[in-house]
Amino acid sequence: MKLRQMAVAALLALPVAAWAESPNITPGQWEFVSTTTVSGDMPIPDQTETEQQCITQEDLDEADLGFIQEEEGCELLDQDTSADGLSYSMVCRADGGEANIDGDMRFMGEHIEGSVDIMTQSPMGELNMQTQIEGERLGDC
């Protein structure tokens, strides 16, 4: 189960280098809903999580949205960032397993949408996690 936890951590660890310009995200109170579907050798029910977060202009200027960080054991393979979005590929290794992660996020001012696909290979078998992410600005913080 540690490999699944590593994969979930990688999902939340969207690595970002320096932005050329501030992301097209309006500062304020945001609500993020993520729905994860898992398929593979180990049956896991779909999971939906909702989180609220205050995103300030300072956060955007620093390109540090609270969920952007490098995780130990992960290697960034490819990354493309712009004011309108982010796409990346990375691989994470732990406990004899490997997770390949492909993510794509679109920033549309007061709405964010994206997906993260995680394919893991472990001694417990193959596991494919597909997460759809929707973010909406609710108002001021």
C-alpha atoms as a PDB file:
ATOM      1  CA  MET A   1       0.000   0.000   0.000  1.00  0.00           C
ATOM      2  CA  LYS A   2       3.000   2.340   0.385  1.00  0.00           C
ATOM      3  CA  LEU A   3       3.279   2.563  -3.411  1.00  0.00           C
ATOM      4  CA  ARG A   4      -0.323   3.823  -3.613  1.00  0.00           C
ATOM      5  CA  GLN A   5       0.444   6.432  -0.945  1.00  0.00           C
ATOM      6  CA  MET A   6       3.502   7.461  -2.943  1.00  0.00           C
ATOM      7  CA  ALA A   7       1.361   7.783  -6.060  1.00  0.00           C
ATOM      8  CA  VAL A   8      -1.184   9.945  -4.242  1.00  0.00           C
ATOM      9  CA  ALA A   9       1.638  12.128  -2.893  1.00  0.00           C
ATOM     10  CA  ALA A  10       2.990  12.475  -6.426  1.00  0.00           C
ATOM     11  CA  LEU A  11      -0.451  13.546  -7.612  1.00  0.00           C
ATOM     12  CA  LEU A  12      -0.368  16.405  -5.128  1.00  0.00           C
ATOM     13  CA  ALA A  13       3.247  17.268  -5.909  1.00  0.00           C
ATOM     14  CA  LEU A  14       2.936  19.129  -9.170  1.00  0.00           C
ATOM     15  CA  PRO A  15       6.526  20.183  -9.822  1.00  0.00           C
ATOM     16  CA  VAL A  16       6.899  23.578 -11.390  1.00  0.00           C
ATOM     17  CA  ALA A  17      10.016  25.491 -12.363  1.00  0.00           C
ATOM     18  CA  ALA A  18      10.000  29.260 -12.562  1.00  0.00           C
ATOM     19  CA  TRP A  19       6.965  30.625 -14.395  1.00  0.00           C
ATOM     20  CA  ALA A  20       7.625  33.032 -17.235  1.00  0.00           C
ATOM     21  CA  GLU A  21       4.563  34.980 -16.081  1.00  0.00           C
ATOM     22  CA  SER A  22       1.995  34.667 -13.321  1.00  0.00           C
ATOM     23  CA  PRO A  23      -0.507  31.798 -13.820  1.00  0.00           C
ATOM     24  CA  ASN A  24      -3.939  32.815 -15.184  1.00  0.00           C
ATOM     25  CA  ILE A  25      -5.594  32.247 -11.810  1.00  0.00           C
ATOM     26  CA  THR A  26      -7.670  34.924 -10.082  1.00  0.00           C
ATOM     27  CA  PRO A  27      -6.678  35.283  -6.410  1.00  0.00           C
ATOM     28  CA  GLY A  28      -9.327  34.360  -3.865  1.00  0.00           C
ATOM     29  CA  GLN A  29     -10.978  31.456  -2.058  1.00  0.00           C
ATOM     30  CA  TRP A  30     -10.955  28.354  -4.253  1.00  0.00           C
ATOM     31  CA  GLU A  31     -12.662  25.000  -4.048  1.00  0.00           C
ATOM     32  CA  PHE A  32     -11.002  22.001  -5.677  1.00  0.00           C
ATOM     33  CA  VAL A  33     -12.815  18.738  -6.360  1.00  0.00           C
ATOM     34  CA  SER A  34     -10.800  15.715  -7.447  1.00  0.00           C
ATOM     35  CA  THR A  35     -12.307  12.407  -8.505  1.00  0.00           C
ATOM     36  CA  THR A  36      -9.998   9.407  -8.744  1.00  0.00           C
ATOM     37  CA  THR A  37     -10.853   6.213 -10.596  1.00  0.00           C
ATOM     38  CA  VAL A  38      -8.591   3.219 -10.032  1.00  0.00           C
ATOM     39  CA  SER A  39      -8.312   0.166 -12.248  1.00  0.00           C
ATOM     40  CA  GLY A  40      -5.948  -2.761 -12.059  1.00  0.00           C
ATOM     41  CA  ASP A  41      -5.212  -5.942 -10.163  1.00  0.00           C
ATOM     42  CA  MET A  42      -6.381  -4.511  -6.833  1.00  0.00           C
ATOM     43  CA  PRO A  43     -10.007  -3.252  -6.699  1.00  0.00           C
ATOM     44  CA  ILE A  44     -10.290   0.193  -5.105  1.00  0.00           C
ATOM     45  CA  PRO A  45     -13.541   2.205  -5.118  1.00  0.00           C
ATOM     46  CA  ASP A  46     -13.669   5.638  -6.761  1.00  0.00           C
ATOM     47  CA  GLN A  47     -12.757   8.465  -4.433  1.00  0.00           C
ATOM     48  CA  THR A  48     -13.872  12.107  -4.514  1.00  0.00           C
ATOM     49  CA  GLU A  49     -12.198  14.739  -2.358  1.00  0.00           C
ATOM     50  CA  THR A  50     -13.075  18.407  -1.916  1.00  0.00           C
ATOM     51  CA  GLU A  51     -10.651  20.985  -0.563  1.00  0.00           C
ATOM     52  CA  GLN A  52     -10.821  24.740  -0.146  1.00  0.00           C
ATOM     53  CA  GLN A  53      -7.768  26.950  -0.322  1.00  0.00           C
ATOM     54  CA  CYS A  54      -7.059  30.675  -0.281  1.00  0.00           C
ATOM     55  CA  ILE A  55      -4.786  31.621  -3.184  1.00  0.00           C
ATOM     56  CA  THR A  56      -3.212  35.062  -2.859  1.00  0.00           C
ATOM     57  CA  GLN A  57      -1.534  37.210  -5.499  1.00  0.00           C
ATOM     58  CA  GLU A  58       1.721  36.638  -3.605  1.00  0.00           C
ATOM     59  CA  ASP A  59       1.252  32.863  -4.018  1.00  0.00           C
ATOM     60  CA  LEU A  60       0.799  33.358  -7.751  1.00  0.00           C
ATOM     61  CA  ASP A  61       3.770  35.712  -8.071  1.00  0.00           C
ATOM     62  CA  GLU A  62       5.946  33.123  -6.319  1.00  0.00           C
ATOM     63  CA  ALA A  63       4.328  30.249  -8.301  1.00  0.00           C
ATOM     64  CA  ASP A  64       3.872  28.440  -4.988  1.00  0.00           C
ATOM     65  CA  LEU A  65       0.241  27.388  -4.731  1.00  0.00           C
ATOM     66  CA  GLY A  66       0.747  25.220  -1.658  1.00  0.00           C
ATOM     67  CA  PHE A  67       0.650  21.985  -3.660  1.00  0.00           C
ATOM     68  CA  ILE A  68       3.714  22.547  -5.807  1.00  0.00           C
ATOM     69  CA  GLN A  69       6.729  20.728  -4.448  1.00  0.00           C
ATOM     70  CA  GLU A  70       9.216  18.053  -5.361  1.00  0.00           C
ATOM     71  CA  GLU A  71       8.746  14.703  -3.653  1.00  0.00           C
ATOM     72  CA  GLU A  72      11.604  12.463  -2.578  1.00  0.00           C
ATOM     73  CA  GLY A  73      12.124   9.530  -4.944  1.00  0.00           C
ATOM     74  CA  CYS A  74      10.559  11.353  -7.908  1.00  0.00           C
ATOM     75  CA  GLU A  75      12.242  12.503 -11.110  1.00  0.00           C
ATOM     76  CA  LEU A  76      10.755  15.122 -13.426  1.00  0.00           C
ATOM     77  CA  LEU A  77      10.987  13.860 -17.025  1.00  0.00           C
ATOM     78  CA  ASP A  78       9.244  16.630 -18.960  1.00  0.00           C
ATOM     79  CA  GLN A  79       7.529  19.893 -18.126  1.00  0.00           C
ATOM     80  CA  ASP A  80       5.768  22.665 -20.033  1.00  0.00           C
ATOM     81  CA  THR A  81       4.420  25.690 -18.161  1.00  0.00           C
ATOM     82  CA  SER A  82       2.633  28.817 -19.312  1.00  0.00           C
ATOM     83  CA  ALA A  83       0.244  31.350 -17.856  1.00  0.00           C
ATOM     84  CA  ASP A  84      -2.617  29.200 -19.166  1.00  0.00           C
ATOM     85  CA  GLY A  85      -1.507  25.833 -17.853  1.00  0.00           C
ATOM     86  CA  LEU A  86       0.947  23.178 -16.957  1.00  0.00           C
ATOM     87  CA  SER A  87       1.738  19.737 -18.305  1.00  0.00           C
ATOM     88  CA  TYR A  88       4.364  17.371 -16.991  1.00  0.00           C
ATOM     89  CA  SER A  89       5.614  13.802 -16.849  1.00  0.00           C
ATOM     90  CA  MET A  90       7.500  12.292 -13.947  1.00  0.00           C
ATOM     91  CA  VAL A  91       8.452   8.947 -12.472  1.00  0.00           C
ATOM     92  CA  CYS A  92       8.544   8.009  -8.798  1.00  0.00           C
ATOM     93  CA  ARG A  93      10.223   4.929  -7.346  1.00  0.00           C
ATOM     94  CA  ALA A  94       9.800   3.353  -3.889  1.00  0.00           C
ATOM     95  CA  ASP A  95       9.529  -0.032  -2.217  1.00  0.00           C
ATOM     96  CA  GLY A  96      10.406  -1.987  -5.375  1.00  0.00           C
ATOM     97  CA  GLY A  97       7.714  -0.261  -7.432  1.00  0.00           C
ATOM     98  CA  GLU A  98       7.476   2.537  -9.939  1.00  0.00           C
ATOM     99  CA  ALA A  99       4.808   5.115 -10.750  1.00  0.00           C
ATOM    100  CA  ASN A 100       4.680   6.959 -14.085  1.00  0.00           C
ATOM    101  CA  ILE A 101       2.753  10.209 -13.775  1.00  0.00           C
ATOM    102  CA  ASP A 102       1.377  12.424 -16.545  1.00  0.00           C
ATOM    103  CA  GLY A 103      -0.436  15.596 -15.579  1.00  0.00           C
ATOM    104  CA  ASP A 104      -2.167  18.422 -17.395  1.00  0.00           C
ATOM    105  CA  MET A 105      -3.761  21.497 -15.798  1.00  0.00           C
ATOM    106  CA  ARG A 106      -5.549  24.387 -17.536  1.00  0.00           C
ATOM    107  CA  PHE A 107      -5.830  27.789 -15.823  1.00  0.00           C
ATOM    108  CA  MET A 108      -8.826  29.861 -16.946  1.00  0.00           C
ATOM    109  CA  GLY A 109      -8.996  32.810 -14.555  1.00  0.00           C
ATOM    110  CA  GLU A 110     -11.750  31.728 -12.160  1.00  0.00           C
ATOM    111  CA  HIS A 111     -11.760  28.064 -13.188  1.00  0.00           C
ATOM    112  CA  ILE A 112      -9.091  25.366 -13.237  1.00  0.00           C
ATOM    113  CA  GLU A 113      -9.434  21.922 -14.740  1.00  0.00           C
ATOM    114  CA  GLY A 114      -7.058  19.111 -15.368  1.00  0.00           C
ATOM    115  CA  SER A 115      -6.164  15.487 -15.070  1.00  0.00           C
ATOM    116  CA  VAL A 116      -3.433  13.333 -13.648  1.00  0.00           C
ATOM    117  CA  ASP A 117      -2.829   9.763 -14.804  1.00  0.00           C
ATOM    118  CA  ILE A 118      -0.669   7.520 -12.638  1.00  0.00           C
ATOM    119  CA  MET A 119       0.382   4.057 -13.797  1.00  0.00           C
ATOM    120  CA  THR A 120       2.097   1.995 -11.110  1.00  0.00           C
ATOM    121  CA  GLN A 121       3.982  -1.260 -11.296  1.00  0.00           C
ATOM    122  CA  SER A 122       4.593  -2.965  -7.971  1.00  0.00           C
ATOM    123  CA  PRO A 123       5.026  -6.404  -6.467  1.00  0.00           C
ATOM    124  CA  MET A 124       1.244  -6.250  -5.805  1.00  0.00           C
ATOM    125  CA  GLY A 125       0.515  -5.777  -9.528  1.00  0.00           C
ATOM    126  CA  GLU A 126      -0.417  -3.003 -11.907  1.00  0.00           C
ATOM    127  CA  LEU A 127      -2.561  -0.089 -10.823  1.00  0.00           C
ATOM    128  CA  ASN A 128      -3.856   2.795 -12.978  1.00  0.00           C
ATOM    129  CA  MET A 129      -5.166   5.897 -11.214  1.00  0.00           C
ATOM    130  CA  GLN A 130      -6.965   8.548 -13.254  1.00  0.00           C
ATOM    131  CA  THR A 131      -7.834  11.767 -11.447  1.00  0.00           C
ATOM    132  CA  GLN A 132      -9.986  14.576 -12.806  1.00  0.00           C
ATOM    133  CA  ILE A 133      -9.517  17.930 -11.044  1.00  0.00           C
ATOM    134  CA  GLU A 134     -11.925  20.863 -11.125  1.00  0.00           C
ATOM    135  CA  GLY A 135     -11.232  24.131  -9.344  1.00  0.00           C
ATOM    136  CA  GLU A 136     -13.567  27.087  -8.998  1.00  0.00           C
ATOM    137  CA  ARG A 137     -13.052  30.481  -7.412  1.00  0.00           C
ATOM    138  CA  LEU A 138     -15.707  31.023  -4.743  1.00  0.00           C
ATOM    139  CA  GLY A 139     -14.955  34.658  -3.889  1.00  0.00           C
ATOM    140  CA  ASP A 140     -12.519  36.643  -1.807  1.00  0.00           C
ATOM    141  CA  CYS A 141     -10.525  35.019   0.990  1.00  0.00           C
END
